[in-house]
PDB file of N, CA and C in Angstrom:
ATOM      1  N   MET A   1      -1.153 -28.740   5.869  1.00  0.00           N
ATOM      2  CA  MET A   1       0.123 -28.263   6.338  1.00  0.00           C
ATOM      3  C   MET A   1       0.415 -26.885   5.758  1.00  0.00           C
ATOM      4  N   ALA A   2       0.824 -25.945   6.592  1.00  0.00           N
ATOM      5  CA  ALA A   2       1.120 -24.585   6.152  1.00  0.00           C
ATOM      6  C   ALA A   2       2.485 -24.531   5.466  1.00  0.00           C
ATOM      7  N   GLU A   3       2.576 -23.670   4.476  1.00  0.00           N
ATOM      8  CA  GLU A   3       3.801 -23.519   3.719  1.00  0.00           C
ATOM      9  C   GLU A   3       4.181 -22.038   3.678  1.00  0.00           C
ATOM     10  N   ASN A   4       5.448 -21.713   3.900  1.00  0.00           N
ATOM     11  CA  ASN A   4       5.937 -20.329   3.837  1.00  0.00           C
ATOM     12  C   ASN A   4       6.580 -20.082   2.477  1.00  0.00           C
ATOM     13  N   PHE A   5       6.362 -18.883   1.937  1.00  0.00           N
ATOM     14  CA  PHE A   5       6.970 -18.542   0.655  1.00  0.00           C
ATOM     15  C   PHE A   5       7.048 -17.031   0.498  1.00  0.00           C
ATOM     16  N   LEU A   6       7.968 -16.577  -0.356  1.00  0.00           N
ATOM     17  CA  LEU A   6       8.073 -15.161  -0.714  1.00  0.00           C
ATOM     18  C   LEU A   6       7.183 -14.915  -1.923  1.00  0.00           C
ATOM     19  N   PHE A   7       6.447 -13.808  -1.884  1.00  0.00           N
ATOM     20  CA  PHE A   7       5.507 -13.491  -2.959  1.00  0.00           C
ATOM     21  C   PHE A   7       5.746 -12.052  -3.409  1.00  0.00           C
ATOM     22  N   PRO A   8       5.975 -11.821  -4.705  1.00  0.00           N
ATOM     23  CA  PRO A   8       6.174 -10.444  -5.176  1.00  0.00           C
ATOM     24  C   PRO A   8       4.869  -9.658  -5.115  1.00  0.00           C
ATOM     25  N   ARG A   9       4.961  -8.386  -4.799  1.00  0.00           N
ATOM     26  CA  ARG A   9       3.802  -7.501  -4.746  1.00  0.00           C
ATOM     27  C   ARG A   9       4.015  -6.380  -5.756  1.00  0.00           C
ATOM     28  N   ALA A  10       3.033  -6.117  -6.572  1.00  0.00           N
ATOM     29  CA  ALA A  10       3.093  -5.026  -7.540  1.00  0.00           C
ATOM     30  C   ALA A  10       1.688  -4.473  -7.735  1.00  0.00           C
ATOM     31  N   SER A  11       1.583  -3.147  -7.828  1.00  0.00           N
ATOM     32  CA  SER A  11       0.282  -2.534  -8.071  1.00  0.00           C
ATOM     33  C   SER A  11       0.470  -1.148  -8.667  1.00  0.00           C
ATOM     34  N   TYR A  12      -0.613  -0.618  -9.172  1.00  0.00           N
ATOM     35  CA  TYR A  12      -0.633   0.723  -9.750  1.00  0.00           C
ATOM     36  C   TYR A  12      -1.841   1.449  -9.186  1.00  0.00           C
ATOM     37  N   LEU A  13      -1.649   2.637  -8.620  1.00  0.00           N
ATOM     38  CA  LEU A  13      -2.739   3.417  -8.036  1.00  0.00           C
ATOM     39  C   LEU A  13      -3.002   4.662  -8.875  1.00  0.00           C
ATOM     40  N   TYR A  14      -4.292   4.986  -9.026  1.00  0.00           N
ATOM     41  CA  TYR A  14      -4.726   6.138  -9.808  1.00  0.00           C
ATOM     42  C   TYR A  14      -4.959   7.353  -8.916  1.00  0.00           C
ATOM     43  N   GLU A  15      -4.518   8.505  -9.351  1.00  0.00           N
ATOM     44  CA  GLU A  15      -4.848   9.797  -8.741  1.00  0.00           C
ATOM     45  C   GLU A  15      -4.726   9.822  -7.220  1.00  0.00           C
ATOM     46  N   ASP A  16      -3.633   9.307  -6.710  1.00  0.00           N
ATOM     47  CA  ASP A  16      -3.363   9.372  -5.277  1.00  0.00           C
ATOM     48  C   ASP A  16      -3.197  10.838  -4.883  1.00  0.00           C
ATOM     49  N   GLU A  17      -3.833  11.247  -3.824  1.00  0.00           N
ATOM     50  CA  GLU A  17      -3.844  12.652  -3.409  1.00  0.00           C
ATOM     51  C   GLU A  17      -2.456  13.193  -3.059  1.00  0.00           C
ATOM     52  N   LEU A  18      -1.595  12.352  -2.499  1.00  0.00           N
ATOM     53  CA  LEU A  18      -0.276  12.820  -2.052  1.00  0.00           C
ATOM     54  C   LEU A  18       0.846  12.516  -3.031  1.00  0.00           C
ATOM     55  N   LEU A  19       0.724  11.457  -3.846  1.00  0.00           N
ATOM     56  CA  LEU A  19       1.809  11.058  -4.743  1.00  0.00           C
ATOM     57  C   LEU A  19       1.458  11.106  -6.217  1.00  0.00           C
ATOM     58  N   GLY A  20       0.195  11.307  -6.568  1.00  0.00           N
ATOM     59  CA  GLY A  20      -0.226  11.212  -7.964  1.00  0.00           C
ATOM     60  C   GLY A  20      -0.322   9.747  -8.374  1.00  0.00           C
ATOM     61  N   ASP A  21      -0.490   9.476  -9.673  1.00  0.00           N
ATOM     62  CA  ASP A  21      -0.504   8.085 -10.153  1.00  0.00           C
ATOM     63  C   ASP A  21       0.852   7.474  -9.839  1.00  0.00           C
ATOM     64  N   HIS A  22       0.853   6.298  -9.220  1.00  0.00           N
ATOM     65  CA  HIS A  22       2.153   5.704  -8.881  1.00  0.00           C
ATOM     66  C   HIS A  22       2.116   4.187  -8.864  1.00  0.00           C
ATOM     67  N   SER A  23       3.306   3.607  -8.961  1.00  0.00           N
ATOM     68  CA  SER A  23       3.485   2.155  -8.896  1.00  0.00           C
ATOM     69  C   SER A  23       3.973   1.773  -7.509  1.00  0.00           C
ATOM     70  N   TYR A  24       3.538   0.626  -7.058  1.00  0.00           N
ATOM     71  CA  TYR A  24       3.911   0.065  -5.763  1.00  0.00           C
ATOM     72  C   TYR A  24       4.629  -1.258  -6.046  1.00  0.00           C
ATOM     73  N   LEU A  25       5.829  -1.457  -5.511  1.00  0.00           N
ATOM     74  CA  LEU A  25       6.550  -2.712  -5.668  1.00  0.00           C
ATOM     75  C   LEU A  25       6.985  -3.206  -4.309  1.00  0.00           C
ATOM     76  N   GLY A  26       6.974  -4.521  -4.108  1.00  0.00           N
ATOM     77  CA  GLY A  26       7.391  -5.041  -2.815  1.00  0.00           C
ATOM     78  C   GLY A  26       7.461  -6.545  -2.776  1.00  0.00           C
ATOM     79  N   LEU A  27       7.580  -7.039  -1.558  1.00  0.00           N
ATOM     80  CA  LEU A  27       7.729  -8.458  -1.325  1.00  0.00           C
ATOM     81  C   LEU A  27       6.989  -8.824  -0.049  1.00  0.00           C
ATOM     82  N   ALA A  28       6.300  -9.950  -0.067  1.00  0.00           N
ATOM     83  CA  ALA A  28       5.582 -10.441   1.113  1.00  0.00           C
ATOM     84  C   ALA A  28       6.131 -11.811   1.490  1.00  0.00           C
ATOM     85  N   TYR A  29       6.239 -12.060   2.783  1.00  0.00           N
ATOM     86  CA  TYR A  29       6.617 -13.375   3.293  1.00  0.00           C
ATOM     87  C   TYR A  29       5.342 -14.000   3.855  1.00  0.00           C
ATOM     88  N   LEU A  30       4.744 -14.889   3.087  1.00  0.00           N
ATOM     89  CA  LEU A  30       3.412 -15.385   3.413  1.00  0.00           C
ATOM     90  C   LEU A  30       3.428 -16.826   3.904  1.00  0.00           C
ATOM     91  N   THR A  31       2.486 -17.124   4.759  1.00  0.00           N
ATOM     92  CA  THR A  31       2.199 -18.487   5.191  1.00  0.00           C
ATOM     93  C   THR A  31       0.867 -18.868   4.564  1.00  0.00           C
ATOM     94  N   ALA A  32       0.873 -19.934   3.798  1.00  0.00           N
ATOM     95  CA  ALA A  32      -0.349 -20.356   3.108  1.00  0.00           C
ATOM     96  C   ALA A  32      -0.964 -21.545   3.812  1.00  0.00           C
ATOM     97  N   GLY A  33      -2.271 -21.459   4.019  1.00  0.00           N
ATOM     98  CA  GLY A  33      -3.036 -22.572   4.568  1.00  0.00           C
ATOM     99  C   GLY A  33      -3.798 -23.249   3.442  1.00  0.00           C
ATOM    100  N   ARG A  34      -4.885 -23.898   3.771  1.00  0.00           N
ATOM    101  CA  ARG A  34      -5.686 -24.583   2.744  1.00  0.00           C
ATOM    102  C   ARG A  34      -6.290 -23.594   1.758  1.00  0.00           C
ATOM    103  N   ASN A  35      -6.933 -22.537   2.252  1.00  0.00           N
ATOM    104  CA  ASN A  35      -7.587 -21.571   1.377  1.00  0.00           C
ATOM    105  C   ASN A  35      -7.212 -20.135   1.707  1.00  0.00           C
ATOM    106  N   ASN A  36      -6.177 -19.930   2.504  1.00  0.00           N
ATOM    107  CA  ASN A  36      -5.854 -18.562   2.902  1.00  0.00           C
ATOM    108  C   ASN A  36      -4.350 -18.340   2.911  1.00  0.00           C
ATOM    109  N   TYR A  37      -3.968 -17.074   3.102  1.00  0.00           N
ATOM    110  CA  TYR A  37      -2.563 -16.697   3.209  1.00  0.00           C
ATOM    111  C   TYR A  37      -2.475 -15.508   4.157  1.00  0.00           C
ATOM    112  N   GLN A  38      -1.315 -15.345   4.791  1.00  0.00           N
ATOM    113  CA  GLN A  38      -1.104 -14.207   5.688  1.00  0.00           C
ATOM    114  C   GLN A  38       0.384 -14.048   5.952  1.00  0.00           C
ATOM    115  N   GLY A  39       0.774 -12.805   6.284  1.00  0.00           N
ATOM    116  CA  GLY A  39       2.161 -12.548   6.623  1.00  0.00           C
ATOM    117  C   GLY A  39       2.549 -11.101   6.410  1.00  0.00           C
ATOM    118  N   PRO A  40       3.793 -10.749   6.753  1.00  0.00           N
ATOM    119  CA  PRO A  40       4.266  -9.372   6.600  1.00  0.00           C
ATOM    120  C   PRO A  40       4.595  -9.042   5.142  1.00  0.00           C
ATOM    121  N   SER A  41       4.500  -7.774   4.828  1.00  0.00           N
ATOM    122  CA  SER A  41       4.768  -7.289   3.478  1.00  0.00           C
ATOM    123  C   SER A  41       5.514  -5.965   3.577  1.00  0.00           C
ATOM    124  N   ILE A  42       6.486  -5.770   2.717  1.00  0.00           N
ATOM    125  CA  ILE A  42       7.191  -4.490   2.640  1.00  0.00           C
ATOM    126  C   ILE A  42       7.087  -4.012   1.196  1.00  0.00           C
ATOM    127  N   ARG A  43       6.743  -2.700   1.030  1.00  0.00           N
ATOM    128  CA  ARG A  43       6.536  -2.158  -0.313  1.00  0.00           C
ATOM    129  C   ARG A  43       7.125  -0.759  -0.429  1.00  0.00           C
ATOM    130  N   TYR A  44       7.407  -0.382  -1.684  1.00  0.00           N
ATOM    131  CA  TYR A  44       7.935   0.942  -2.003  1.00  0.00           C
ATOM    132  C   TYR A  44       7.125   1.498  -3.162  1.00  0.00           C
ATOM    133  N   ALA A  45       6.726   2.766  -3.052  1.00  0.00           N
ATOM    134  CA  ALA A  45       5.958   3.425  -4.121  1.00  0.00           C
ATOM    135  C   ALA A  45       6.712   4.654  -4.601  1.00  0.00           C
ATOM    136  N   LYS A  46       6.660   4.896  -5.906  1.00  0.00           N
ATOM    137  CA  LYS A  46       7.279   6.079  -6.507  1.00  0.00           C
ATOM    138  C   LYS A  46       6.269   6.709  -7.440  1.00  0.00           C
ATOM    139  N   GLY A  47       6.002   7.995  -7.244  1.00  0.00           N
ATOM    140  CA  GLY A  47       5.067   8.720  -8.089  1.00  0.00           C
ATOM    141  C   GLY A  47       5.642  10.063  -8.482  1.00  0.00           C
ATOM    142  N   PRO A  48       4.938  10.825  -9.312  1.00  0.00           N
ATOM    143  CA  PRO A  48       5.443  12.123  -9.763  1.00  0.00           C
ATOM    144  C   PRO A  48       5.543  13.156  -8.639  1.00  0.00           C
ATOM    145  N   LEU A  49       4.830  12.945  -7.523  1.00  0.00           N
ATOM    146  CA  LEU A  49       4.852  13.919  -6.427  1.00  0.00           C
ATOM    147  C   LEU A  49       5.622  13.427  -5.195  1.00  0.00           C
ATOM    148  N   GLY A  50       6.248  12.245  -5.281  1.00  0.00           N
ATOM    149  CA  GLY A  50       7.024  11.770  -4.141  1.00  0.00           C
ATOM    150  C   GLY A  50       7.143  10.267  -4.087  1.00  0.00           C
ATOM    151  N   GLU A  51       7.489   9.774  -2.893  1.00  0.00           N
ATOM    152  CA  GLU A  51       7.658   8.339  -2.698  1.00  0.00           C
ATOM    153  C   GLU A  51       7.112   7.911  -1.345  1.00  0.00           C
ATOM    154  N   LYS A  52       6.866   6.598  -1.216  1.00  0.00           N
ATOM    155  CA  LYS A  52       6.257   6.069  -0.001  1.00  0.00           C
ATOM    156  C   LYS A  52       6.909   4.734   0.338  1.00  0.00           C
ATOM    157  N   TYR A  53       7.164   4.519   1.631  1.00  0.00           N
ATOM    158  CA  TYR A  53       7.673   3.250   2.156  1.00  0.00           C
ATOM    159  C   TYR A  53       6.576   2.668   3.034  1.00  0.00           C
ATOM    160  N   ASN A  54       6.283   1.374   2.871  1.00  0.00           N
ATOM    161  CA  ASN A  54       5.167   0.768   3.587  1.00  0.00           C
ATOM    162  C   ASN A  54       5.562  -0.573   4.194  1.00  0.00           C
ATOM    163  N   LEU A  55       5.160  -0.781   5.439  1.00  0.00           N
ATOM    164  CA  LEU A  55       5.292  -2.061   6.121  1.00  0.00           C
ATOM    165  C   LEU A  55       3.894  -2.456   6.558  1.00  0.00           C
ATOM    166  N   SER A  56       3.443  -3.641   6.154  1.00  0.00           N
ATOM    167  CA  SER A  56       2.060  -4.007   6.437  1.00  0.00           C
ATOM    168  C   SER A  56       1.905  -5.491   6.730  1.00  0.00           C
ATOM    169  N   TYR A  57       0.719  -5.828   7.227  1.00  0.00           N
ATOM    170  CA  TYR A  57       0.293  -7.211   7.433  1.00  0.00           C
ATOM    171  C   TYR A  57      -0.669  -7.528   6.297  1.00  0.00           C
ATOM    172  N   THR A  58      -0.408  -8.601   5.583  1.00  0.00           N
ATOM    173  CA  THR A  58      -1.211  -9.009   4.433  1.00  0.00           C
ATOM    174  C   THR A  58      -1.934 -10.303   4.752  1.00  0.00           C
ATOM    175  N   ALA A  59      -3.201 -10.380   4.391  1.00  0.00           N
ATOM    176  CA  ALA A  59      -3.967 -11.613   4.595  1.00  0.00           C
ATOM    177  C   ALA A  59      -5.058 -11.702   3.542  1.00  0.00           C
ATOM    178  N   GLY A  60      -5.552 -12.905   3.314  1.00  0.00           N
ATOM    179  CA  GLY A  60      -6.645 -13.061   2.374  1.00  0.00           C
ATOM    180  C   GLY A  60      -7.013 -14.503   2.121  1.00  0.00           C
ATOM    181  N   VAL A  61      -8.039 -14.655   1.320  1.00  0.00           N
ATOM    182  CA  VAL A  61      -8.504 -15.948   0.825  1.00  0.00           C
ATOM    183  C   VAL A  61      -8.610 -15.810  -0.686  1.00  0.00           C
ATOM    184  N   SER A  62      -8.720 -16.881  -1.388  1.00  0.00           N
ATOM    185  CA  SER A  62      -8.687 -16.960  -2.844  1.00  0.00           C
ATOM    186  C   SER A  62      -8.779 -15.621  -3.593  1.00  0.00           C
ATOM    187  N   ILE A  63      -9.943 -14.966  -3.658  1.00  0.00           N
ATOM    188  CA  ILE A  63     -10.068 -13.749  -4.472  1.00  0.00           C
ATOM    189  C   ILE A  63     -10.171 -12.467  -3.650  1.00  0.00           C
ATOM    190  N   PHE A  64     -10.203 -12.542  -2.341  1.00  0.00           N
ATOM    191  CA  PHE A  64     -10.325 -11.365  -1.486  1.00  0.00           C
ATOM    192  C   PHE A  64      -9.114 -11.274  -0.567  1.00  0.00           C
ATOM    193  N   GLY A  65      -8.595 -10.056  -0.385  1.00  0.00           N
ATOM    194  CA  GLY A  65      -7.459  -9.873   0.518  1.00  0.00           C
ATOM    195  C   GLY A  65      -7.416  -8.466   1.060  1.00  0.00           C
ATOM    196  N   TYR A  66      -6.565  -8.260   2.059  1.00  0.00           N
ATOM    197  CA  TYR A  66      -6.393  -6.927   2.626  1.00  0.00           C
ATOM    198  C   TYR A  66      -4.968  -6.746   3.143  1.00  0.00           C
ATOM    199  N   ASP A  67      -4.572  -5.488   3.262  1.00  0.00           N
ATOM    200  CA  ASP A  67      -3.297  -5.084   3.853  1.00  0.00           C
ATOM    201  C   ASP A  67      -3.607  -4.030   4.905  1.00  0.00           C
ATOM    202  N   LEU A  68      -3.019  -4.150   6.067  1.00  0.00           N
ATOM    203  CA  LEU A  68      -3.103  -3.139   7.130  1.00  0.00           C
ATOM    204  C   LEU A  68      -1.683  -2.749   7.463  1.00  0.00           C
ATOM    205  N   GLY A  69      -1.357  -1.465   7.342  1.00  0.00           N
ATOM    206  CA  GLY A  69       0.026  -1.111   7.600  1.00  0.00           C
ATOM    207  C   GLY A  69       0.276   0.355   7.855  1.00  0.00           C
ATOM    208  N   VAL A  70       1.546   0.647   8.044  1.00  0.00           N
ATOM    209  CA  VAL A  70       2.007   2.018   8.249  1.00  0.00           C
ATOM    210  C   VAL A  70       2.917   2.393   7.089  1.00  0.00           C
ATOM    211  N   SER A  71       2.846   3.656   6.704  1.00  0.00           N
ATOM    212  CA  SER A  71       3.659   4.163   5.602  1.00  0.00           C
ATOM    213  C   SER A  71       4.402   5.401   6.054  1.00  0.00           C
ATOM    214  N   TYR A  72       5.500   5.670   5.371  1.00  0.00           N
ATOM    215  CA  TYR A  72       6.216   6.930   5.545  1.00  0.00           C
ATOM    216  C   TYR A  72       6.273   7.565   4.169  1.00  0.00           C
ATOM    217  N   ILE A  73       5.699   8.765   4.041  1.00  0.00           N
ATOM    218  CA  ILE A  73       5.567   9.435   2.752  1.00  0.00           C
ATOM    219  C   ILE A  73       6.517  10.619   2.688  1.00  0.00           C
ATOM    220  N   LYS A  74       7.259  10.713   1.575  1.00  0.00           N
ATOM    221  CA  LYS A  74       8.155  11.845   1.314  1.00  0.00           C
ATOM    222  C   LYS A  74       7.711  12.487   0.006  1.00  0.00           C
ATOM    223  N   GLN A  75       7.246  13.732   0.081  1.00  0.00           N
ATOM    224  CA  GLN A  75       6.772  14.435  -1.113  1.00  0.00           C
ATOM    225  C   GLN A  75       7.894  15.246  -1.754  1.00  0.00           C
ATOM    226  N   ASN A  76       7.794  15.425  -3.087  1.00  0.00           N
ATOM    227  CA  ASN A  76       8.728  16.272  -3.826  1.00  0.00           C
ATOM    228  C   ASN A  76       8.421  17.739  -3.567  1.00  0.00           C
ATOM    229  N   GLU A  77       9.273  18.601  -4.068  1.00  0.00           N
ATOM    230  CA  GLU A  77       9.069  20.050  -3.948  1.00  0.00           C
ATOM    231  C   GLU A  77       7.847  20.527  -4.726  1.00  0.00           C
ATOM    232  N   ASP A  78       7.427  19.769  -5.753  1.00  0.00           N
ATOM    233  CA  ASP A  78       6.271  20.141  -6.583  1.00  0.00           C
ATOM    234  C   ASP A  78       4.940  19.911  -5.875  1.00  0.00           C
ATOM    235  N   ALA A  79       4.929  19.097  -4.835  1.00  0.00           N
ATOM    236  CA  ALA A  79       3.682  18.716  -4.156  1.00  0.00           C
ATOM    237  C   ALA A  79       3.264  19.769  -3.134  1.00  0.00           C
ATOM    238  N   VAL A  80       1.962  19.835  -2.908  1.00  0.00           N
ATOM    239  CA  VAL A  80       1.424  20.687  -1.839  1.00  0.00           C
ATOM    240  C   VAL A  80       1.740  19.999  -0.517  1.00  0.00           C
ATOM    241  N   PRO A  81       2.424  20.671   0.423  1.00  0.00           N
ATOM    242  CA  PRO A  81       2.778  20.016   1.693  1.00  0.00           C
ATOM    243  C   PRO A  81       1.545  19.460   2.403  1.00  0.00           C
ATOM    244  N   ALA A  82       1.641  18.192   2.831  1.00  0.00           N
ATOM    245  CA  ALA A  82       0.480  17.526   3.416  1.00  0.00           C
ATOM    246  C   ALA A  82       0.625  17.201   4.894  1.00  0.00           C
ATOM    247  N   PHE A  83       1.751  17.538   5.498  1.00  0.00           N
ATOM    248  CA  PHE A  83       1.998  17.155   6.884  1.00  0.00           C
ATOM    249  C   PHE A  83       2.305  18.387   7.727  1.00  0.00           C
ATOM    250  N   ASN A  84       1.277  19.134   8.098  1.00  0.00           N
ATOM    251  CA  ASN A  84       1.458  20.356   8.897  1.00  0.00           C
ATOM    252  C   ASN A  84       2.491  21.292   8.278  1.00  0.00           C
ATOM    253  N   GLY A  85       2.414  21.482   6.972  1.00  0.00           N
ATOM    254  CA  GLY A  85       3.346  22.348   6.260  1.00  0.00           C
ATOM    255  C   GLY A  85       4.649  21.678   5.897  1.00  0.00           C
ATOM    256  N   LYS A  86       4.841  20.430   6.300  1.00  0.00           N
ATOM    257  CA  LYS A  86       6.051  19.680   5.947  1.00  0.00           C
ATOM    258  C   LYS A  86       5.749  18.767   4.766  1.00  0.00           C
ATOM    259  N   ARG A  87       6.782  18.252   4.152  1.00  0.00           N
ATOM    260  CA  ARG A  87       6.623  17.405   2.979  1.00  0.00           C
ATOM    261  C   ARG A  87       6.825  15.919   3.255  1.00  0.00           C
ATOM    262  N   GLU A  88       6.941  15.543   4.509  1.00  0.00           N
ATOM    263  CA  GLU A  88       7.077  14.120   4.817  1.00  0.00           C
ATOM    264  C   GLU A  88       6.460  13.808   6.163  1.00  0.00           C
ATOM    265  N   GLY A  89       6.028  12.550   6.310  1.00  0.00           N
ATOM    266  CA  GLY A  89       5.403  12.148   7.554  1.00  0.00           C
ATOM    267  C   GLY A  89       4.787  10.769   7.473  1.00  0.00           C
ATOM    268  N   PRO A  90       4.283  10.269   8.603  1.00  0.00           N
ATOM    269  CA  PRO A  90       3.698   8.928   8.654  1.00  0.00           C
ATOM    270  C   PRO A  90       2.243   8.909   8.188  1.00  0.00           C
ATOM    271  N   ALA A  91       1.789   7.721   7.835  1.00  0.00           N
ATOM    272  CA  ALA A  91       0.400   7.514   7.432  1.00  0.00           C
ATOM    273  C   ALA A  91      -0.006   6.091   7.774  1.00  0.00           C
ATOM    274  N   LEU A  92      -1.295   5.893   8.028  1.00  0.00           N
ATOM    275  CA  LEU A  92      -1.868   4.561   8.158  1.00  0.00           C
ATOM    276  C   LEU A  92      -2.494   4.208   6.820  1.00  0.00           C
ATOM    277  N   GLU A  93      -2.398   2.944   6.430  1.00  0.00           N
ATOM    278  CA  GLU A  93      -2.911   2.550   5.129  1.00  0.00           C
ATOM    279  C   GLU A  93      -3.659   1.229   5.229  1.00  0.00           C
ATOM    280  N   ILE A  94      -4.814   1.169   4.576  1.00  0.00           N
ATOM    281  CA  ILE A  94      -5.620  -0.043   4.502  1.00  0.00           C
ATOM    282  C   ILE A  94      -5.949  -0.286   3.028  1.00  0.00           C
ATOM    283  N   ASN A  95      -5.649  -1.470   2.538  1.00  0.00           N
ATOM    284  CA  ASN A  95      -5.972  -1.848   1.163  1.00  0.00           C
ATOM    285  C   ASN A  95      -6.922  -3.028   1.186  1.00  0.00           C
ATOM    286  N   MET A  96      -7.972  -2.971   0.378  1.00  0.00           N
ATOM    287  CA  MET A  96      -8.938  -4.063   0.243  1.00  0.00           C
ATOM    288  C   MET A  96      -8.907  -4.510  -1.216  1.00  0.00           C
ATOM    289  N   ARG A  97      -8.569  -5.806  -1.444  1.00  0.00           N
ATOM    290  CA  ARG A  97      -8.444  -6.348  -2.788  1.00  0.00           C
ATOM    291  C   ARG A  97      -9.566  -7.326  -3.116  1.00  0.00           C
ATOM    292  N   LEU A  98     -10.066  -7.259  -4.337  1.00  0.00           N
ATOM    293  CA  LEU A  98     -10.999  -8.240  -4.875  1.00  0.00           C
ATOM    294  C   LEU A  98     -10.474  -8.591  -6.260  1.00  0.00           C
ATOM    295  N   THR A  99      -9.989  -9.788  -6.433  1.00  0.00           N
ATOM    296  CA  THR A  99      -9.232 -10.249  -7.609  1.00  0.00           C
ATOM    297  C   THR A  99      -8.078  -9.282  -7.855  1.00  0.00           C
ATOM    298  N   ALA A 100      -8.039  -8.601  -9.007  1.00  0.00           N
ATOM    299  CA  ALA A 100      -6.905  -7.730  -9.325  1.00  0.00           C
ATOM    300  C   ALA A 100      -7.166  -6.256  -8.992  1.00  0.00           C
ATOM    301  N   GLY A 101      -8.400  -5.878  -8.686  1.00  0.00           N
ATOM    302  CA  GLY A 101      -8.708  -4.487  -8.360  1.00  0.00           C
ATOM    303  C   GLY A 101      -8.723  -4.268  -6.856  1.00  0.00           C
ATOM    304  N   PHE A 102      -8.451  -3.047  -6.435  1.00  0.00           N
ATOM    305  CA  PHE A 102      -8.490  -2.766  -5.000  1.00  0.00           C
ATOM    306  C   PHE A 102      -8.739  -1.296  -4.713  1.00  0.00           C
ATOM    307  N   PHE A 103      -9.105  -1.028  -3.467  1.00  0.00           N
ATOM    308  CA  PHE A 103      -9.229   0.327  -2.944  1.00  0.00           C
ATOM    309  C   PHE A 103      -8.195   0.493  -1.851  1.00  0.00           C
ATOM    310  N   SER A 104      -7.592   1.667  -1.805  1.00  0.00           N
ATOM    311  CA  SER A 104      -6.580   1.967  -0.802  1.00  0.00           C
ATOM    312  C   SER A 104      -7.022   3.195  -0.020  1.00  0.00           C
ATOM    313  N   MET A 105      -7.102   3.068   1.294  1.00  0.00           N
ATOM    314  CA  MET A 105      -7.456   4.199   2.158  1.00  0.00           C
ATOM    315  C   MET A 105      -6.204   4.620   2.914  1.00  0.00           C
ATOM    316  N   THR A 106      -5.877   5.904   2.841  1.00  0.00           N
ATOM    317  CA  THR A 106      -4.702   6.445   3.512  1.00  0.00           C
ATOM    318  C   THR A 106      -5.158   7.513   4.499  1.00  0.00           C
ATOM    319  N   VAL A 107      -4.623   7.460   5.716  1.00  0.00           N
ATOM    320  CA  VAL A 107      -4.961   8.419   6.758  1.00  0.00           C
ATOM    321  C   VAL A 107      -3.660   9.029   7.284  1.00  0.00           C
ATOM    322  N   THR A 108      -3.560  10.361   7.199  1.00  0.00           N
ATOM    323  CA  THR A 108      -2.434  11.079   7.777  1.00  0.00           C
ATOM    324  C   THR A 108      -2.973  12.010   8.858  1.00  0.00           C
ATOM    325  N   GLU A 109      -2.091  12.743   9.486  1.00  0.00           N
ATOM    326  CA  GLU A 109      -2.501  13.702  10.517  1.00  0.00           C
ATOM    327  C   GLU A 109      -3.385  14.806   9.932  1.00  0.00           C
ATOM    328  N   GLU A 110      -3.151  15.141   8.678  1.00  0.00           N
ATOM    329  CA  GLU A 110      -3.844  16.256   8.040  1.00  0.00           C
ATOM    330  C   GLU A 110      -5.024  15.872   7.153  1.00  0.00           C
ATOM    331  N   THR A 111      -5.003  14.660   6.580  1.00  0.00           N
ATOM    332  CA  THR A 111      -6.019  14.310   5.592  1.00  0.00           C
ATOM    333  C   THR A 111      -6.273  12.808   5.589  1.00  0.00           C
ATOM    334  N   SER A 112      -7.355  12.423   4.957  1.00  0.00           N
ATOM    335  CA  SER A 112      -7.607  11.013   4.665  1.00  0.00           C
ATOM    336  C   SER A 112      -8.280  10.953   3.305  1.00  0.00           C
ATOM    337  N   TYR A 113      -8.033   9.883   2.562  1.00  0.00           N
ATOM    338  CA  TYR A 113      -8.604   9.762   1.232  1.00  0.00           C
ATOM    339  C   TYR A 113      -8.594   8.301   0.792  1.00  0.00           C
ATOM    340  N   ILE A 114      -9.378   8.009  -0.237  1.00  0.00           N
ATOM    341  CA  ILE A 114      -9.446   6.671  -0.825  1.00  0.00           C
ATOM    342  C   ILE A 114      -9.107   6.793  -2.293  1.00  0.00           C
ATOM    343  N   THR A 115      -8.292   5.877  -2.780  1.00  0.00           N
ATOM    344  CA  THR A 115      -7.951   5.826  -4.180  1.00  0.00           C
ATOM    345  C   THR A 115      -8.102   4.389  -4.676  1.00  0.00           C
ATOM    346  N   SER A 116      -8.143   4.179  -5.971  1.00  0.00           N
ATOM    347  CA  SER A 116      -8.314   2.830  -6.518  1.00  0.00           C
ATOM    348  C   SER A 116      -7.099   2.453  -7.340  1.00  0.00           C
ATOM    349  N   GLY A 117      -6.994   1.160  -7.596  1.00  0.00           N
ATOM    350  CA  GLY A 117      -5.885   0.668  -8.393  1.00  0.00           C
ATOM    351  C   GLY A 117      -6.066  -0.786  -8.765  1.00  0.00           C
ATOM    352  N   TYR A 118      -5.035  -1.369  -9.325  1.00  0.00           N
ATOM    353  CA  TYR A 118      -5.044  -2.778  -9.643  1.00  0.00           C
ATOM    354  C   TYR A 118      -3.661  -3.361  -9.366  1.00  0.00           C
ATOM    355  N   GLY A 119      -3.603  -4.642  -9.123  1.00  0.00           N
ATOM    356  CA  GLY A 119      -2.330  -5.299  -8.852  1.00  0.00           C
ATOM    357  C   GLY A 119      -2.527  -6.623  -8.158  1.00  0.00           C
ATOM    358  N   PHE A 120      -1.444  -7.140  -7.586  1.00  0.00           N
ATOM    359  CA  PHE A 120      -1.499  -8.405  -6.847  1.00  0.00           C
ATOM    360  C   PHE A 120      -0.580  -8.347  -5.654  1.00  0.00           C
TER     361      PHE A 120
END
């Protein structure tokens, strides 16, 4: 029988190209099966170069998981503009988790990059 529950999301990313080192906090509404989970997730990130809002679909099994979502990034005045000379814009984001470590791939109109981090 599937069970629905709220699950806190927290992570820390290293050397993000657009935001610098930053923390990600959020909440997921997950449906758990026998060995898997899935559901929507909303997260907020704050770093020295700006902030990010993310809405994603989260899924996984015991030690492996992923997030597929869209983000809206707002950079500070200190950051190099990353959106056609502007400091804010949309991005696609994919996160792949293995236990507590993960890789995050971000794609914007101007750039794409991969960064690493840890969290749950």
